[in-house]
Amino acid sequence: MEKYLLKLPFSIQIAILSFLIGTLLFVSYFIFPKWDNIILIGILYVLAALFF
């Protein structure tokens, strides 16, 4: 699987990584609902994805 992932175009690799990070943030919000820093991290992540 790793070799297949490394053979994909760079833009696809970035998209998969971005999806995984977003999924981890989404799942962690339900695991730790009282921890408000997850929302802040998610907002900063979206802003960074938009501008970089």
N, C-alpha and C. Protein backbone atom coordinates (compact mmCIF):
# COMPACT_ATOMS: atom_id res chain seq x y z
N MET A 1 0.82 -1.19 0.00
CA MET A 1 0.00 0.00 0.00
C MET A 1 0.87 1.26 0.00
N GLU A 2 1.95 1.22 0.76
CA GLU A 2 2.81 2.39 0.85
C GLU A 2 3.45 2.72 -0.49
N LYS A 3 3.89 1.71 -1.22
CA LYS A 3 4.51 1.95 -2.52
C LYS A 3 3.48 2.50 -3.50
N TYR A 4 2.25 2.02 -3.41
CA TYR A 4 1.20 2.51 -4.29
C TYR A 4 0.91 3.98 -3.99
N LEU A 5 0.87 4.34 -2.71
CA LEU A 5 0.60 5.71 -2.31
C LEU A 5 1.71 6.65 -2.76
N LEU A 6 2.95 6.19 -2.70
CA LEU A 6 4.07 7.03 -3.11
C LEU A 6 4.13 7.22 -4.63
N LYS A 7 3.51 6.34 -5.39
CA LYS A 7 3.51 6.47 -6.84
C LYS A 7 2.43 7.43 -7.34
N LEU A 8 1.51 7.80 -6.47
CA LEU A 8 0.45 8.73 -6.88
C LEU A 8 1.03 10.13 -7.09
N PRO A 9 0.35 10.96 -7.87
CA PRO A 9 0.82 12.35 -8.04
C PRO A 9 0.81 13.09 -6.71
N PHE A 10 1.67 14.09 -6.62
CA PHE A 10 1.85 14.82 -5.36
C PHE A 10 0.55 15.47 -4.90
N SER A 11 -0.24 15.99 -5.82
CA SER A 11 -1.49 16.65 -5.43
C SER A 11 -2.47 15.66 -4.80
N ILE A 12 -2.47 14.43 -5.29
CA ILE A 12 -3.33 13.40 -4.72
C ILE A 12 -2.83 13.02 -3.33
N GLN A 13 -1.52 12.95 -3.14
CA GLN A 13 -0.96 12.65 -1.83
C GLN A 13 -1.35 13.72 -0.81
N ILE A 14 -1.28 14.99 -1.23
CA ILE A 14 -1.65 16.08 -0.33
C ILE A 14 -3.14 16.02 -0.01
N ALA A 15 -3.97 15.68 -0.98
CA ALA A 15 -5.41 15.57 -0.75
C ALA A 15 -5.72 14.46 0.25
N ILE A 16 -5.05 13.33 0.12
CA ILE A 16 -5.27 12.22 1.05
C ILE A 16 -4.82 12.60 2.45
N LEU A 17 -3.67 13.26 2.56
CA LEU A 17 -3.18 13.70 3.86
C LEU A 17 -4.14 14.71 4.49
N SER A 18 -4.63 15.63 3.71
CA SER A 18 -5.58 16.63 4.20
C SER A 18 -6.86 15.97 4.68
N PHE A 19 -7.35 14.99 3.93
CA PHE A 19 -8.54 14.27 4.34
C PHE A 19 -8.32 13.53 5.65
N LEU A 20 -7.15 12.92 5.82
CA LEU A 20 -6.85 12.19 7.06
C LEU A 20 -6.77 13.13 8.26
N ILE A 21 -6.15 14.28 8.09
CA ILE A 21 -6.05 15.24 9.18
C ILE A 21 -7.43 15.75 9.56
N GLY A 22 -8.25 16.08 8.56
CA GLY A 22 -9.61 16.53 8.83
C GLY A 22 -10.44 15.47 9.53
N THR A 23 -10.27 14.23 9.11
CA THR A 23 -11.00 13.13 9.75
C THR A 23 -10.57 12.95 11.20
N LEU A 24 -9.27 13.06 11.45
CA LEU A 24 -8.79 12.95 12.83
C LEU A 24 -9.35 14.07 13.71
N LEU A 25 -9.39 15.28 13.19
CA LEU A 25 -9.98 16.38 13.95
C LEU A 25 -11.46 16.15 14.21
N PHE A 26 -12.17 15.66 13.21
CA PHE A 26 -13.60 15.41 13.34
C PHE A 26 -13.88 14.33 14.39
N VAL A 27 -13.13 13.24 14.33
CA VAL A 27 -13.33 12.15 15.28
C VAL A 27 -12.90 12.58 16.69
N SER A 28 -11.81 13.33 16.78
CA SER A 28 -11.35 13.76 18.11
C SER A 28 -12.34 14.72 18.76
N TYR A 29 -13.12 15.45 17.97
CA TYR A 29 -14.13 16.33 18.56
C TYR A 29 -15.19 15.51 19.29
N PHE A 30 -15.54 14.34 18.77
CA PHE A 30 -16.54 13.51 19.43
C PHE A 30 -15.94 12.72 20.59
N ILE A 31 -14.66 12.46 20.56
CA ILE A 31 -14.02 11.75 21.66
C ILE A 31 -13.81 12.70 22.85
N PHE A 32 -13.42 13.95 22.57
CA PHE A 32 -13.18 14.95 23.60
C PHE A 32 -14.09 16.17 23.37
N PRO A 33 -15.41 16.05 23.65
CA PRO A 33 -16.32 17.15 23.30
C PRO A 33 -16.13 18.40 24.15
N LYS A 34 -15.57 18.29 25.32
CA LYS A 34 -15.41 19.45 26.20
C LYS A 34 -14.11 20.21 25.94
N TRP A 35 -13.26 19.70 25.08
CA TRP A 35 -11.97 20.33 24.82
C TRP A 35 -12.12 21.30 23.65
N ASP A 36 -12.25 22.58 23.94
CA ASP A 36 -12.54 23.58 22.92
C ASP A 36 -11.36 23.87 22.00
N ASN A 37 -10.18 23.45 22.37
CA ASN A 37 -9.01 23.69 21.51
C ASN A 37 -9.11 22.95 20.19
N ILE A 38 -9.90 21.87 20.14
CA ILE A 38 -10.05 21.13 18.89
C ILE A 38 -10.72 22.02 17.85
N ILE A 39 -11.69 22.80 18.26
CA ILE A 39 -12.37 23.70 17.33
C ILE A 39 -11.39 24.75 16.82
N LEU A 40 -10.59 25.29 17.71
CA LEU A 40 -9.58 26.28 17.32
C LEU A 40 -8.56 25.67 16.35
N ILE A 41 -8.11 24.48 16.65
CA ILE A 41 -7.16 23.79 15.76
C ILE A 41 -7.80 23.55 14.40
N GLY A 42 -9.06 23.15 14.38
CA GLY A 42 -9.77 22.93 13.12
C GLY A 42 -9.90 24.20 12.29
N ILE A 43 -10.23 25.31 12.94
CA ILE A 43 -10.35 26.58 12.23
C ILE A 43 -9.00 27.02 11.68
N LEU A 44 -7.95 26.89 12.47
CA LEU A 44 -6.61 27.24 12.00
C LEU A 44 -6.17 26.33 10.85
N TYR A 45 -6.54 25.07 10.92
CA TYR A 45 -6.20 24.13 9.85
C TYR A 45 -6.89 24.52 8.54
N VAL A 46 -8.16 24.89 8.63
CA VAL A 46 -8.89 25.29 7.42
C VAL A 46 -8.31 26.58 6.85
N LEU A 47 -7.98 27.53 7.70
CA LEU A 47 -7.38 28.78 7.22
C LEU A 47 -6.02 28.54 6.57
N ALA A 48 -5.23 27.66 7.19
CA ALA A 48 -3.92 27.35 6.60
C ALA A 48 -4.10 26.65 5.25
N ALA A 49 -5.09 25.78 5.13
CA ALA A 49 -5.33 25.10 3.87
C ALA A 49 -5.80 26.06 2.79
N LEU A 50 -6.53 27.08 3.18
CA LEU A 50 -7.01 28.05 2.20
C LEU A 50 -5.91 28.96 1.67
N PHE A 51 -4.99 29.36 2.54
CA PHE A 51 -4.03 30.38 2.18
C PHE A 51 -2.63 29.86 1.86
N PHE A 52 -2.36 28.58 2.06
CA PHE A 52 -1.02 28.06 1.77
C PHE A 52 -1.07 26.97 0.76
